[in-house]
Amino acid sequence: MQLEIVSPEKTILTGEVNSVHLPGSEGYFQVLNNHAPIVSTLKKGEILIDGVDSDVKSDVLDFSNGRASLEIKSGVVEMKKNKLIILVD
């Protein structure tokens, strides 16, 4: 699936990924390839991204064991037509 993570300052990540674990307002949930359309608010926590290309460079994401992570304060997520857009604070 296509993933785009955007903060007020810049675009953090754009690319193909396998799955994303998100800190939803009602608890953590996972979005996989071809997930049903969804819109949700996010709370403070960690976004975990599986399947990020190894050539992706970021000064904001932490990479370990084939997984990228990002700490957020809050945000909004939308999944539509196999594209996941995450707006973070």
PDB file of N, CA and C in Angstrom:
ATOM      1  N   MET A   1       0.839  -1.176   0.000  1.00  0.00           N
ATOM      2  CA  MET A   1       0.000   0.000   0.000  1.00  0.00           C
ATOM      3  C   MET A   1       0.881   1.235   0.000  1.00  0.00           C
ATOM      4  N   GLN A   2       0.349   2.322  -0.471  1.00  0.00           N
ATOM      5  CA  GLN A   2       1.053   3.600  -0.498  1.00  0.00           C
ATOM      6  C   GLN A   2       0.847   4.293   0.847  1.00  0.00           C
ATOM      7  N   LEU A   3       1.929   4.774   1.454  1.00  0.00           N
ATOM      8  CA  LEU A   3       1.858   5.470   2.738  1.00  0.00           C
ATOM      9  C   LEU A   3       2.435   6.861   2.594  1.00  0.00           C
ATOM     10  N   GLU A   4       1.740   7.822   3.192  1.00  0.00           N
ATOM     11  CA  GLU A   4       2.249   9.188   3.265  1.00  0.00           C
ATOM     12  C   GLU A   4       2.040   9.685   4.688  1.00  0.00           C
ATOM     13  N   ILE A   5       3.136  10.115   5.327  1.00  0.00           N
ATOM     14  CA  ILE A   5       3.067  10.685   6.671  1.00  0.00           C
ATOM     15  C   ILE A   5       3.485  12.145   6.568  1.00  0.00           C
ATOM     16  N   VAL A   6       2.602  13.036   7.045  1.00  0.00           N
ATOM     17  CA  VAL A   6       2.838  14.470   6.915  1.00  0.00           C
ATOM     18  C   VAL A   6       2.706  15.139   8.279  1.00  0.00           C
ATOM     19  N   SER A   7       3.666  16.012   8.598  1.00  0.00           N
ATOM     20  CA  SER A   7       3.594  16.836   9.805  1.00  0.00           C
ATOM     21  C   SER A   7       3.405  18.286   9.354  1.00  0.00           C
ATOM     22  N   PRO A   8       3.135  19.201  10.285  1.00  0.00           N
ATOM     23  CA  PRO A   8       2.995  20.606   9.887  1.00  0.00           C
ATOM     24  C   PRO A   8       4.265  21.180   9.239  1.00  0.00           C
ATOM     25  N   GLU A   9       5.416  20.615   9.573  1.00  0.00           N
ATOM     26  CA  GLU A   9       6.684  21.125   9.059  1.00  0.00           C
ATOM     27  C   GLU A   9       7.086  20.537   7.714  1.00  0.00           C
ATOM     28  N   LYS A  10       6.777  19.240   7.488  1.00  0.00           N
ATOM     29  CA  LYS A  10       7.274  18.579   6.277  1.00  0.00           C
ATOM     30  C   LYS A  10       6.607  17.233   6.058  1.00  0.00           C
ATOM     31  N   THR A  11       6.858  16.669   4.884  1.00  0.00           N
ATOM     32  CA  THR A  11       6.457  15.295   4.607  1.00  0.00           C
ATOM     33  C   THR A  11       7.530  14.386   5.192  1.00  0.00           C
ATOM     34  N   ILE A  12       7.134  13.492   6.082  1.00  0.00           N
ATOM     35  CA  ILE A  12       8.077  12.621   6.784  1.00  0.00           C
ATOM     36  C   ILE A  12       8.414  11.388   5.953  1.00  0.00           C
ATOM     37  N   LEU A  13       7.406  10.808   5.304  1.00  0.00           N
ATOM     38  CA  LEU A  13       7.617   9.573   4.543  1.00  0.00           C
ATOM     39  C   LEU A  13       6.585   9.466   3.437  1.00  0.00           C
ATOM     40  N   THR A  14       7.038   9.043   2.277  1.00  0.00           N
ATOM     41  CA  THR A  14       6.157   8.687   1.171  1.00  0.00           C
ATOM     42  C   THR A  14       6.735   7.434   0.541  1.00  0.00           C
ATOM     43  N   GLY A  15       5.923   6.376   0.417  1.00  0.00           N
ATOM     44  CA  GLY A  15       6.417   5.155  -0.211  1.00  0.00           C
ATOM     45  C   GLY A  15       5.521   3.966   0.024  1.00  0.00           C
ATOM     46  N   GLU A  16       5.936   2.836  -0.515  1.00  0.00           N
ATOM     47  CA  GLU A  16       5.214   1.572  -0.384  1.00  0.00           C
ATOM     48  C   GLU A  16       5.615   0.881   0.913  1.00  0.00           C
ATOM     49  N   VAL A  17       4.626   0.348   1.634  1.00  0.00           N
ATOM     50  CA  VAL A  17       4.870  -0.390   2.880  1.00  0.00           C
ATOM     51  C   VAL A  17       3.953  -1.606   2.928  1.00  0.00           C
ATOM     52  N   ASN A  18       4.225  -2.524   3.858  1.00  0.00           N
ATOM     53  CA  ASN A  18       3.403  -3.729   4.014  1.00  0.00           C
ATOM     54  C   ASN A  18       2.258  -3.542   5.000  1.00  0.00           C
ATOM     55  N   SER A  19       2.548  -2.926   6.144  1.00  0.00           N
ATOM     56  CA  SER A  19       1.513  -2.716   7.162  1.00  0.00           C
ATOM     57  C   SER A  19       1.915  -1.571   8.082  1.00  0.00           C
ATOM     58  N   VAL A  20       0.900  -1.018   8.772  1.00  0.00           N
ATOM     59  CA  VAL A  20       1.134   0.087   9.698  1.00  0.00           C
ATOM     60  C   VAL A  20       0.299  -0.162  10.954  1.00  0.00           C
ATOM     61  N   HIS A  21       0.936  -0.057  12.128  1.00  0.00           N
ATOM     62  CA  HIS A  21       0.262  -0.161  13.425  1.00  0.00           C
ATOM     63  C   HIS A  21       0.110   1.251  13.958  1.00  0.00           C
ATOM     64  N   LEU A  22      -1.110   1.608  14.357  1.00  0.00           N
ATOM     65  CA  LEU A  22      -1.413   2.986  14.734  1.00  0.00           C
ATOM     66  C   LEU A  22      -2.031   3.084  16.122  1.00  0.00           C
ATOM     67  N   PRO A  23      -1.696   4.160  16.879  1.00  0.00           N
ATOM     68  CA  PRO A  23      -2.295   4.368  18.207  1.00  0.00           C
ATOM     69  C   PRO A  23      -3.632   5.114  18.091  1.00  0.00           C
ATOM     70  N   GLY A  24      -4.681   4.405  17.759  1.00  0.00           N
ATOM     71  CA  GLY A  24      -6.000   5.010  17.613  1.00  0.00           C
ATOM     72  C   GLY A  24      -6.541   5.514  18.938  1.00  0.00           C
ATOM     73  N   SER A  25      -7.475   6.448  18.862  1.00  0.00           N
ATOM     74  CA  SER A  25      -8.085   7.016  20.073  1.00  0.00           C
ATOM     75  C   SER A  25      -8.748   5.948  20.932  1.00  0.00           C
ATOM     76  N   GLU A  26      -9.221   4.877  20.307  1.00  0.00           N
ATOM     77  CA  GLU A  26      -9.884   3.781  21.028  1.00  0.00           C
ATOM     78  C   GLU A  26      -8.968   2.568  21.214  1.00  0.00           C
ATOM     79  N   GLY A  27      -7.688   2.712  20.876  1.00  0.00           N
ATOM     80  CA  GLY A  27      -6.731   1.618  21.013  1.00  0.00           C
ATOM     81  C   GLY A  27      -5.946   1.399  19.737  1.00  0.00           C
ATOM     82  N   TYR A  28      -4.875   0.637  19.840  1.00  0.00           N
ATOM     83  CA  TYR A  28      -4.030   0.361  18.684  1.00  0.00           C
ATOM     84  C   TYR A  28      -4.778  -0.470  17.651  1.00  0.00           C
ATOM     85  N   PHE A  29      -4.497  -0.205  16.366  1.00  0.00           N
ATOM     86  CA  PHE A  29      -5.046  -1.019  15.289  1.00  0.00           C
ATOM     87  C   PHE A  29      -4.036  -1.090  14.151  1.00  0.00           C
ATOM     88  N   GLN A  30      -4.226  -2.060  13.279  1.00  0.00           N
ATOM     89  CA  GLN A  30      -3.310  -2.301  12.171  1.00  0.00           C
ATOM     90  C   GLN A  30      -4.039  -2.092  10.847  1.00  0.00           C
ATOM     91  N   VAL A  31      -3.326  -1.513   9.878  1.00  0.00           N
ATOM     92  CA  VAL A  31      -3.844  -1.346   8.529  1.00  0.00           C
ATOM     93  C   VAL A  31      -2.942  -2.143   7.596  1.00  0.00           C
ATOM     94  N   LEU A  32      -3.559  -3.012   6.796  1.00  0.00           N
ATOM     95  CA  LEU A  32      -2.837  -3.845   5.841  1.00  0.00           C
ATOM     96  C   LEU A  32      -3.188  -3.432   4.416  1.00  0.00           C
ATOM     97  N   ASN A  33      -2.482  -4.022   3.464  1.00  0.00           N
ATOM     98  CA  ASN A  33      -2.741  -3.791   2.047  1.00  0.00           C
ATOM     99  C   ASN A  33      -4.212  -4.037   1.720  1.00  0.00           C
ATOM    100  N   ASN A  34      -4.827  -3.157   0.942  1.00  0.00           N
ATOM    101  CA  ASN A  34      -6.229  -3.245   0.521  1.00  0.00           C
ATOM    102  C   ASN A  34      -7.221  -3.214   1.679  1.00  0.00           C
ATOM    103  N   HIS A  35      -6.872  -2.547   2.752  1.00  0.00           N
ATOM    104  CA  HIS A  35      -7.765  -2.383   3.909  1.00  0.00           C
ATOM    105  C   HIS A  35      -9.010  -1.606   3.486  1.00  0.00           C
ATOM    106  N   ALA A  36     -10.109  -1.846   4.131  1.00  0.00           N
ATOM    107  CA  ALA A  36     -11.344  -1.103   3.883  1.00  0.00           C
ATOM    108  C   ALA A  36     -11.122   0.377   4.201  1.00  0.00           C
ATOM    109  N   PRO A  37     -11.846   1.265   3.538  1.00  0.00           N
ATOM    110  CA  PRO A  37     -11.709   2.694   3.834  1.00  0.00           C
ATOM    111  C   PRO A  37     -11.982   2.972   5.313  1.00  0.00           C
ATOM    112  N   ILE A  38     -11.182   3.863   5.880  1.00  0.00           N
ATOM    113  CA  ILE A  38     -11.315   4.205   7.293  1.00  0.00           C
ATOM    114  C   ILE A  38     -10.793   5.615   7.528  1.00  0.00           C
ATOM    115  N   VAL A  39     -11.392   6.305   8.485  1.00  0.00           N
ATOM    116  CA  VAL A  39     -10.900   7.583   8.991  1.00  0.00           C
ATOM    117  C   VAL A  39     -10.901   7.458  10.509  1.00  0.00           C
ATOM    118  N   SER A  40      -9.798   7.857  11.151  1.00  0.00           N
ATOM    119  CA  SER A  40      -9.707   7.728  12.601  1.00  0.00           C
ATOM    120  C   SER A  40      -8.807   8.813  13.164  1.00  0.00           C
ATOM    121  N   THR A  41      -9.054   9.159  14.415  1.00  0.00           N
ATOM    122  CA  THR A  41      -8.151  10.055  15.126  1.00  0.00           C
ATOM    123  C   THR A  41      -7.092   9.206  15.833  1.00  0.00           C
ATOM    124  N   LEU A  42      -5.938   9.806  16.057  1.00  0.00           N
ATOM    125  CA  LEU A  42      -4.832   9.121  16.712  1.00  0.00           C
ATOM    126  C   LEU A  42      -4.480   9.845  18.003  1.00  0.00           C
ATOM    127  N   LYS A  43      -4.018   9.074  18.990  1.00  0.00           N
ATOM    128  CA  LYS A  43      -3.588   9.660  20.263  1.00  0.00           C
ATOM    129  C   LYS A  43      -2.069   9.529  20.376  1.00  0.00           C
ATOM    130  N   LYS A  44      -1.536  10.039  21.461  1.00  0.00           N
ATOM    131  CA  LYS A  44      -0.103   9.955  21.710  1.00  0.00           C
ATOM    132  C   LYS A  44       0.321   8.492  21.719  1.00  0.00           C
ATOM    133  N   GLY A  45       1.399   8.194  21.007  1.00  0.00           N
ATOM    134  CA  GLY A  45       1.897   6.828  20.947  1.00  0.00           C
ATOM    135  C   GLY A  45       2.894   6.657  19.819  1.00  0.00           C
ATOM    136  N   GLU A  46       3.079   5.417  19.428  1.00  0.00           N
ATOM    137  CA  GLU A  46       4.084   5.067  18.426  1.00  0.00           C
ATOM    138  C   GLU A  46       3.428   4.466  17.195  1.00  0.00           C
ATOM    139  N   ILE A  47       3.789   4.981  16.032  1.00  0.00           N
ATOM    140  CA  ILE A  47       3.390   4.385  14.759  1.00  0.00           C
ATOM    141  C   ILE A  47       4.493   3.408  14.369  1.00  0.00           C
ATOM    142  N   LEU A  48       4.121   2.171  14.049  1.00  0.00           N
ATOM    143  CA  LEU A  48       5.081   1.158  13.608  1.00  0.00           C
ATOM    144  C   LEU A  48       4.790   0.822  12.151  1.00  0.00           C
ATOM    145  N   ILE A  49       5.829   0.839  11.318  1.00  0.00           N
ATOM    146  CA  ILE A  49       5.679   0.636   9.883  1.00  0.00           C
ATOM    147  C   ILE A  49       6.525  -0.556   9.459  1.00  0.00           C
ATOM    148  N   ASP A  50       5.882  -1.569   8.887  1.00  0.00           N
ATOM    149  CA  ASP A  50       6.586  -2.749   8.391  1.00  0.00           C
ATOM    150  C   ASP A  50       6.743  -2.674   6.878  1.00  0.00           C
ATOM    151  N   GLY A  51       7.902  -3.111   6.397  1.00  0.00           N
ATOM    152  CA  GLY A  51       8.120  -3.207   4.963  1.00  0.00           C
ATOM    153  C   GLY A  51       8.575  -1.933   4.299  1.00  0.00           C
ATOM    154  N   VAL A  52       9.194  -1.025   5.063  1.00  0.00           N
ATOM    155  CA  VAL A  52       9.734   0.200   4.481  1.00  0.00           C
ATOM    156  C   VAL A  52      10.966  -0.154   3.664  1.00  0.00           C
ATOM    157  N   ASP A  53      11.097   0.423   2.475  1.00  0.00           N
ATOM    158  CA  ASP A  53      12.284   0.189   1.653  1.00  0.00           C
ATOM    159  C   ASP A  53      13.542   0.527   2.438  1.00  0.00           C
ATOM    160  N   SER A  54      14.557  -0.306   2.293  1.00  0.00           N
ATOM    161  CA  SER A  54      15.794  -0.115   3.044  1.00  0.00           C
ATOM    162  C   SER A  54      16.556   1.142   2.631  1.00  0.00           C
ATOM    163  N   ASP A  55      16.257   1.695   1.462  1.00  0.00           N
ATOM    164  CA  ASP A  55      16.951   2.902   1.011  1.00  0.00           C
ATOM    165  C   ASP A  55      16.282   4.193   1.481  1.00  0.00           C
ATOM    166  N   VAL A  56      15.194   4.095   2.233  1.00  0.00           N
ATOM    167  CA  VAL A  56      14.506   5.270   2.766  1.00  0.00           C
ATOM    168  C   VAL A  56      15.355   5.879   3.881  1.00  0.00           C
ATOM    169  N   LYS A  57      15.589   7.175   3.786  1.00  0.00           N
ATOM    170  CA  LYS A  57      16.354   7.901   4.807  1.00  0.00           C
ATOM    171  C   LYS A  57      15.435   8.919   5.463  1.00  0.00           C
ATOM    172  N   SER A  58      15.527   9.030   6.772  1.00  0.00           N
ATOM    173  CA  SER A  58      14.707   9.992   7.496  1.00  0.00           C
ATOM    174  C   SER A  58      15.399  10.373   8.788  1.00  0.00           C
ATOM    175  N   ASP A  59      15.352  11.662   9.119  1.00  0.00           N
ATOM    176  CA  ASP A  59      15.910  12.119  10.385  1.00  0.00           C
ATOM    177  C   ASP A  59      14.873  12.076  11.501  1.00  0.00           C
ATOM    178  N   VAL A  60      13.646  11.674  11.168  1.00  0.00           N
ATOM    179  CA  VAL A  60      12.557  11.630  12.139  1.00  0.00           C
ATOM    180  C   VAL A  60      12.191  10.194  12.517  1.00  0.00           C
ATOM    181  N   LEU A  61      12.275   9.272  11.563  1.00  0.00           N
ATOM    182  CA  LEU A  61      11.927   7.865  11.810  1.00  0.00           C
ATOM    183  C   LEU A  61      13.080   7.116  12.453  1.00  0.00           C
ATOM    184  N   ASP A  62      12.751   6.175  13.336  1.00  0.00           N
ATOM    185  CA  ASP A  62      13.751   5.266  13.905  1.00  0.00           C
ATOM    186  C   ASP A  62      13.612   3.930  13.189  1.00  0.00           C
ATOM    187  N   PHE A  63      14.733   3.367  12.734  1.00  0.00           N
ATOM    188  CA  PHE A  63      14.723   2.102  12.020  1.00  0.00           C
ATOM    189  C   PHE A  63      15.406   1.012  12.836  1.00  0.00           C
ATOM    190  N   SER A  64      14.761  -0.164  12.949  1.00  0.00           N
ATOM    191  CA  SER A  64      15.389  -1.331  13.564  1.00  0.00           C
ATOM    192  C   SER A  64      14.599  -2.580  13.192  1.00  0.00           C
ATOM    193  N   ASN A  65      15.317  -3.663  12.940  1.00  0.00           N
ATOM    194  CA  ASN A  65      14.716  -4.970  12.626  1.00  0.00           C
ATOM    195  C   ASN A  65      13.710  -4.912  11.483  1.00  0.00           C
ATOM    196  N   GLY A  66      14.006  -4.138  10.431  1.00  0.00           N
ATOM    197  CA  GLY A  66      13.121  -4.061   9.278  1.00  0.00           C
ATOM    198  C   GLY A  66      11.839  -3.304   9.529  1.00  0.00           C
ATOM    199  N   ARG A  67      11.812  -2.534  10.588  1.00  0.00           N
ATOM    200  CA  ARG A  67      10.609  -1.797  10.974  1.00  0.00           C
ATOM    201  C   ARG A  67      11.002  -0.342  11.272  1.00  0.00           C
ATOM    202  N   ALA A  68      10.155   0.579  10.877  1.00  0.00           N
ATOM    203  CA  ALA A  68      10.368   1.990  11.197  1.00  0.00           C
ATOM    204  C   ALA A  68       9.347   2.391  12.249  1.00  0.00           C
ATOM    205  N   SER A  69       9.719   3.334  13.097  1.00  0.00           N
ATOM    206  CA  SER A  69       8.786   3.806  14.120  1.00  0.00           C
ATOM    207  C   SER A  69       8.853   5.319  14.225  1.00  0.00           C
ATOM    208  N   LEU A  70       7.740   5.879  14.692  1.00  0.00           N
ATOM    209  CA  LEU A  70       7.622   7.320  14.833  1.00  0.00           C
ATOM    210  C   LEU A  70       6.744   7.616  16.036  1.00  0.00           C
ATOM    211  N   GLU A  71       7.255   8.415  16.974  1.00  0.00           N
ATOM    212  CA  GLU A  71       6.474   8.850  18.131  1.00  0.00           C
ATOM    213  C   GLU A  71       5.645  10.061  17.732  1.00  0.00           C
ATOM    214  N   ILE A  72       4.352  10.043  18.099  1.00  0.00           N
ATOM    215  CA  ILE A  72       3.478  11.166  17.772  1.00  0.00           C
ATOM    216  C   ILE A  72       2.737  11.634  19.025  1.00  0.00           C
ATOM    217  N   LYS A  73       2.247  12.873  18.977  1.00  0.00           N
ATOM    218  CA  LYS A  73       1.426  13.421  20.056  1.00  0.00           C
ATOM    219  C   LYS A  73      -0.048  13.203  19.761  1.00  0.00           C
ATOM    220  N   SER A  74      -0.410  13.352  18.483  1.00  0.00           N
ATOM    221  CA  SER A  74      -1.786  13.164  18.040  1.00  0.00           C
ATOM    222  C   SER A  74      -1.798  13.141  16.516  1.00  0.00           C
ATOM    223  N   GLY A  75      -2.967  12.874  15.940  1.00  0.00           N
ATOM    224  CA  GLY A  75      -3.044  12.877  14.494  1.00  0.00           C
ATOM    225  C   GLY A  75      -4.377  12.382  13.971  1.00  0.00           C
ATOM    226  N   VAL A  76      -4.425  12.283  12.654  1.00  0.00           N
ATOM    227  CA  VAL A  76      -5.596  11.788  11.938  1.00  0.00           C
ATOM    228  C   VAL A  76      -5.092  10.878  10.833  1.00  0.00           C
ATOM    229  N   VAL A  77      -5.833   9.797  10.570  1.00  0.00           N
ATOM    230  CA  VAL A  77      -5.446   8.862   9.525  1.00  0.00           C
ATOM    231  C   VAL A  77      -6.638   8.610   8.599  1.00  0.00           C
ATOM    232  N   GLU A  78      -6.335   8.459   7.302  1.00  0.00           N
ATOM    233  CA  GLU A  78      -7.363   8.099   6.324  1.00  0.00           C
ATOM    234  C   GLU A  78      -6.802   7.028   5.396  1.00  0.00           C
ATOM    235  N   MET A  79      -7.575   5.957   5.206  1.00  0.00           N
ATOM    236  CA  MET A  79      -7.228   4.902   4.256  1.00  0.00           C
ATOM    237  C   MET A  79      -8.294   4.928   3.176  1.00  0.00           C
ATOM    238  N   LYS A  80      -7.867   5.059   1.921  1.00  0.00           N
ATOM    239  CA  LYS A  80      -8.804   5.112   0.805  1.00  0.00           C
ATOM    240  C   LYS A  80      -8.073   4.694  -0.461  1.00  0.00           C
ATOM    241  N   LYS A  81      -8.642   3.753  -1.205  1.00  0.00           N
ATOM    242  CA  LYS A  81      -8.079   3.277  -2.475  1.00  0.00           C
ATOM    243  C   LYS A  81      -6.628   2.831  -2.314  1.00  0.00           C
ATOM    244  N   ASN A  82      -6.362   2.090  -1.243  1.00  0.00           N
ATOM    245  CA  ASN A  82      -5.048   1.519  -0.930  1.00  0.00           C
ATOM    246  C   ASN A  82      -3.959   2.567  -0.700  1.00  0.00           C
ATOM    247  N   LYS A  83      -4.378   3.766  -0.295  1.00  0.00           N
ATOM    248  CA  LYS A  83      -3.428   4.819   0.088  1.00  0.00           C
ATOM    249  C   LYS A  83      -3.757   5.246   1.504  1.00  0.00           C
ATOM    250  N   LEU A  84      -2.749   5.184   2.385  1.00  0.00           N
ATOM    251  CA  LEU A  84      -2.883   5.560   3.775  1.00  0.00           C
ATOM    252  C   LEU A  84      -2.199   6.908   3.968  1.00  0.00           C
ATOM    253  N   ILE A  85      -2.970   7.912   4.407  1.00  0.00           N
ATOM    254  CA  ILE A  85      -2.431   9.239   4.682  1.00  0.00           C
ATOM    255  C   ILE A  85      -2.547   9.482   6.178  1.00  0.00           C
ATOM    256  N   ILE A  86      -1.418   9.838   6.798  1.00  0.00           N
ATOM    257  CA  ILE A  86      -1.384  10.101   8.232  1.00  0.00           C
ATOM    258  C   ILE A  86      -0.894  11.527   8.446  1.00  0.00           C
ATOM    259  N   LEU A  87      -1.735  12.320   9.099  1.00  0.00           N
ATOM    260  CA  LEU A  87      -1.357  13.691   9.479  1.00  0.00           C
ATOM    261  C   LEU A  87      -1.015  13.649  10.954  1.00  0.00           C
ATOM    262  N   VAL A  88       0.223  14.026  11.296  1.00  0.00           N
ATOM    263  CA  VAL A  88       0.689  13.895  12.684  1.00  0.00           C
ATOM    264  C   VAL A  88       1.108  15.232  13.267  1.00  0.00           C
ATOM    265  N   ASP A  89       1.085  15.256  14.577  1.00  0.00           N
ATOM    266  CA  ASP A  89       1.530  16.426  15.327  1.00  0.00           C
ATOM    267  C   ASP A  89       2.632  15.994  16.261  1.00  0.00           C
TER     268      ASP A  89
END
